[in-house]
Amino acid sequence: METTRHFVATVYVVNDGAVALHNHDKLGMWLPPGGHVDRDELPHEAAGREVREELGRDVELLAPREGISSLTVESIPQPQHFLLEDINTCDGAVGHQHIDFVFYGRVDDRRIDPEPGEAGREAWEWFDAAQLRAEPDRLEPDVIEIGLQAIEAVSATR
């Protein structure tokens, strides 16, 4: 079986020491906002778009940008993590994977106003560090680990 791979962007959105996660219908797990990078997008642009669509908010990404440039090269905002995620497997073979550009971001308050067709605001919860640590049966280990790192990184920039 051939493995297909798609580029995606994810944002661990933080406000006041908590990260926003929603119960993803298709995947059956709690995840931050994110989705596929469109053909005409750069990863950081997709990250911002996904947060606008899913949370109805503009996000400030914590994404360093190197000073490398030339007539044909420009540095773009860097993700905090770059992950390869198995999305479906069949008889032990991986059929689909996501190459995920994972960003951290900050919003000024916890209002959630998703666009039509997105998960409703009732699907979203804000998890602080203690709540993330207390939910190993409900949350994936990587979501807990990255959520904690995002909270710490965003808090350190205030």
Protein backbone atom coordinates (compact mmCIF):
# COMPACT_ATOMS: atom_id res chain seq x y z
CA MET A 1 0.00 0.00 0.00
CA GLU A 2 1.29 3.45 -0.90
CA THR A 3 1.38 5.99 1.92
CA THR A 4 -0.11 9.38 1.06
CA ARG A 5 1.16 12.44 2.89
CA HIS A 6 -0.38 15.88 3.30
CA PHE A 7 1.04 19.05 4.81
CA VAL A 8 -0.96 20.44 7.75
CA ALA A 9 -0.56 23.29 10.22
CA THR A 10 -1.58 23.19 13.88
CA VAL A 11 -1.65 25.94 16.50
CA TYR A 12 -1.61 25.46 20.24
CA VAL A 13 -3.54 28.63 21.09
CA VAL A 14 -2.86 29.94 24.60
CA ASN A 15 -4.67 32.49 26.74
CA ASP A 16 -3.92 33.20 30.39
CA GLY A 17 -2.12 29.91 31.02
CA ALA A 18 -4.55 27.62 29.19
CA VAL A 19 -4.65 26.03 25.74
CA ALA A 20 -7.78 25.59 23.55
CA LEU A 21 -8.62 22.02 22.48
CA HIS A 22 -11.70 20.55 20.81
CA ASN A 23 -13.10 17.06 20.54
CA HIS A 24 -12.41 16.24 16.88
CA ASP A 25 -15.40 14.34 15.40
CA LYS A 26 -13.57 12.40 12.67
CA LEU A 27 -10.47 11.47 14.65
CA GLY A 28 -12.19 10.95 18.02
CA MET A 29 -9.54 12.83 19.99
CA TRP A 30 -8.95 16.20 21.59
CA LEU A 31 -6.88 18.48 19.34
CA PRO A 32 -5.94 22.13 18.89
CA PRO A 33 -7.05 24.08 15.81
CA GLY A 34 -5.39 23.03 12.58
CA GLY A 35 -5.84 21.63 9.12
CA HIS A 36 -4.43 21.17 5.66
CA VAL A 37 -2.09 23.69 4.08
CA ASP A 38 -3.73 24.89 0.86
CA ARG A 39 -1.75 24.86 -2.39
CA ASP A 40 -1.25 28.62 -2.37
CA GLU A 41 -0.39 28.94 1.35
CA LEU A 42 2.72 28.92 3.46
CA PRO A 43 2.50 26.95 6.72
CA HIS A 44 2.26 30.01 9.00
CA GLU A 45 -0.51 31.44 6.80
CA ALA A 46 -2.47 28.18 7.04
CA ALA A 47 -1.98 28.22 10.82
CA GLY A 48 -3.54 31.67 11.10
CA ARG A 49 -6.37 30.79 8.74
CA GLU A 50 -7.24 27.63 10.66
CA VAL A 51 -7.42 29.56 13.95
CA ARG A 52 -9.68 32.19 12.32
CA GLU A 53 -11.96 29.47 10.92
CA GLU A 54 -12.11 27.27 14.03
CA LEU A 55 -11.95 29.82 16.86
CA GLY A 56 -13.03 32.96 15.03
CA ARG A 57 -9.91 34.73 16.28
CA ASP A 58 -6.73 36.27 14.95
CA VAL A 59 -3.73 34.68 16.62
CA GLU A 60 -0.27 36.03 17.34
CA LEU A 61 2.14 33.23 16.45
CA LEU A 62 5.33 32.69 18.43
CA ALA A 63 7.33 31.82 15.36
CA PRO A 64 10.92 32.96 15.01
CA ARG A 65 12.10 34.12 11.60
CA GLU A 66 15.76 33.86 10.61
CA GLY A 67 17.45 36.79 8.90
CA ILE A 68 18.42 34.79 5.84
CA SER A 69 17.43 36.41 2.55
CA SER A 70 18.60 37.11 -0.96
CA LEU A 71 17.02 38.02 -4.28
CA THR A 72 15.49 34.52 -4.42
CA VAL A 73 15.25 33.48 -0.74
CA GLU A 74 13.17 34.74 2.17
CA SER A 75 12.97 33.37 5.70
CA ILE A 76 9.49 32.43 6.87
CA PRO A 77 8.14 32.03 10.42
CA GLN A 78 9.29 28.72 11.88
CA PRO A 79 7.07 26.22 13.65
CA GLN A 80 7.94 25.07 17.15
CA HIS A 81 7.65 21.42 16.10
CA PHE A 82 7.66 19.54 12.81
CA LEU A 83 5.89 16.18 13.21
CA LEU A 84 5.02 13.13 11.11
CA GLU A 85 1.62 11.79 12.21
CA ASP A 86 0.01 8.47 11.26
CA ILE A 87 -3.64 9.16 10.41
CA ASN A 88 -4.84 5.75 9.34
CA THR A 89 -3.39 2.26 9.28
CA CYS A 90 -4.65 -0.96 7.78
CA ASP A 91 -3.21 -4.34 8.77
CA GLY A 92 -0.17 -2.60 10.23
CA ALA A 93 0.56 -0.52 7.12
CA VAL A 94 0.25 3.26 7.28
CA GLY A 95 -2.06 4.51 4.54
CA HIS A 96 -2.09 8.25 5.29
CA GLN A 97 0.19 10.62 7.18
CA HIS A 98 0.25 14.30 8.02
CA ILE A 99 3.45 16.33 7.94
CA ASP A 100 2.51 18.83 10.64
CA PHE A 101 3.95 22.32 11.14
CA VAL A 102 3.09 22.91 14.82
CA PHE A 103 2.99 26.52 16.03
CA TYR A 104 2.33 28.17 19.38
CA GLY A 105 0.07 31.20 19.45
CA ARG A 106 -1.51 33.74 21.76
CA VAL A 107 -4.98 35.30 21.85
CA ASP A 108 -6.14 38.10 24.17
CA ASP A 109 -9.25 36.38 25.55
CA ARG A 110 -11.12 33.07 25.46
CA ARG A 111 -14.02 34.00 23.18
CA ILE A 112 -14.72 31.27 20.62
CA ASP A 113 -16.80 32.13 17.56
CA PRO A 114 -16.24 29.43 14.90
CA GLU A 115 -17.19 29.89 11.27
CA PRO A 116 -20.23 27.95 9.98
CA GLY A 117 -19.34 24.33 9.29
CA GLU A 118 -16.67 24.19 11.99
CA ALA A 119 -17.02 22.51 15.39
CA GLY A 120 -19.32 24.60 17.59
CA ARG A 121 -18.07 26.51 20.62
CA GLU A 122 -19.49 23.74 22.85
CA ALA A 123 -16.87 21.35 21.42
CA TRP A 124 -14.03 23.53 22.75
CA GLU A 125 -12.46 23.60 26.20
CA TRP A 126 -9.59 25.58 27.70
CA PHE A 127 -7.08 23.34 29.55
CA ASP A 128 -4.54 24.80 31.98
CA ALA A 129 -1.35 22.90 32.85
CA ALA A 130 -2.91 21.07 35.81
CA GLN A 131 -5.90 19.99 33.71
CA LEU A 132 -3.64 18.75 30.91
CA ARG A 133 -1.64 16.65 33.37
CA ALA A 134 -4.85 15.31 34.96
CA GLU A 135 -6.32 14.01 31.67
CA PRO A 136 -4.03 11.17 30.45
CA ASP A 137 -7.06 8.98 29.68
CA ARG A 138 -8.82 11.69 27.66
CA LEU A 139 -5.88 13.41 25.93
CA GLU A 140 -3.12 12.00 23.74
CA PRO A 141 0.38 12.11 25.31
CA ASP A 142 1.74 14.38 22.56
CA VAL A 143 -1.17 16.82 23.00
CA ILE A 144 -0.43 17.02 26.72
CA GLU A 145 3.31 17.45 26.20
CA ILE A 146 3.03 20.09 23.46
CA GLY A 147 0.18 21.86 25.27
CA LEU A 148 2.35 22.20 28.38
CA GLN A 149 5.29 23.47 26.30
CA ALA A 150 3.04 26.00 24.53
CA ILE A 151 1.66 27.33 27.81
CA GLU A 152 5.18 27.70 29.20
CA ALA A 153 6.54 29.38 26.04
CA VAL A 154 3.66 31.86 25.75
CA SER A 155 3.79 32.65 29.47
CA ALA A 156 7.54 33.34 29.21
CA THR A 157 6.95 36.02 26.56
CA ARG A 158 4.66 38.19 28.73
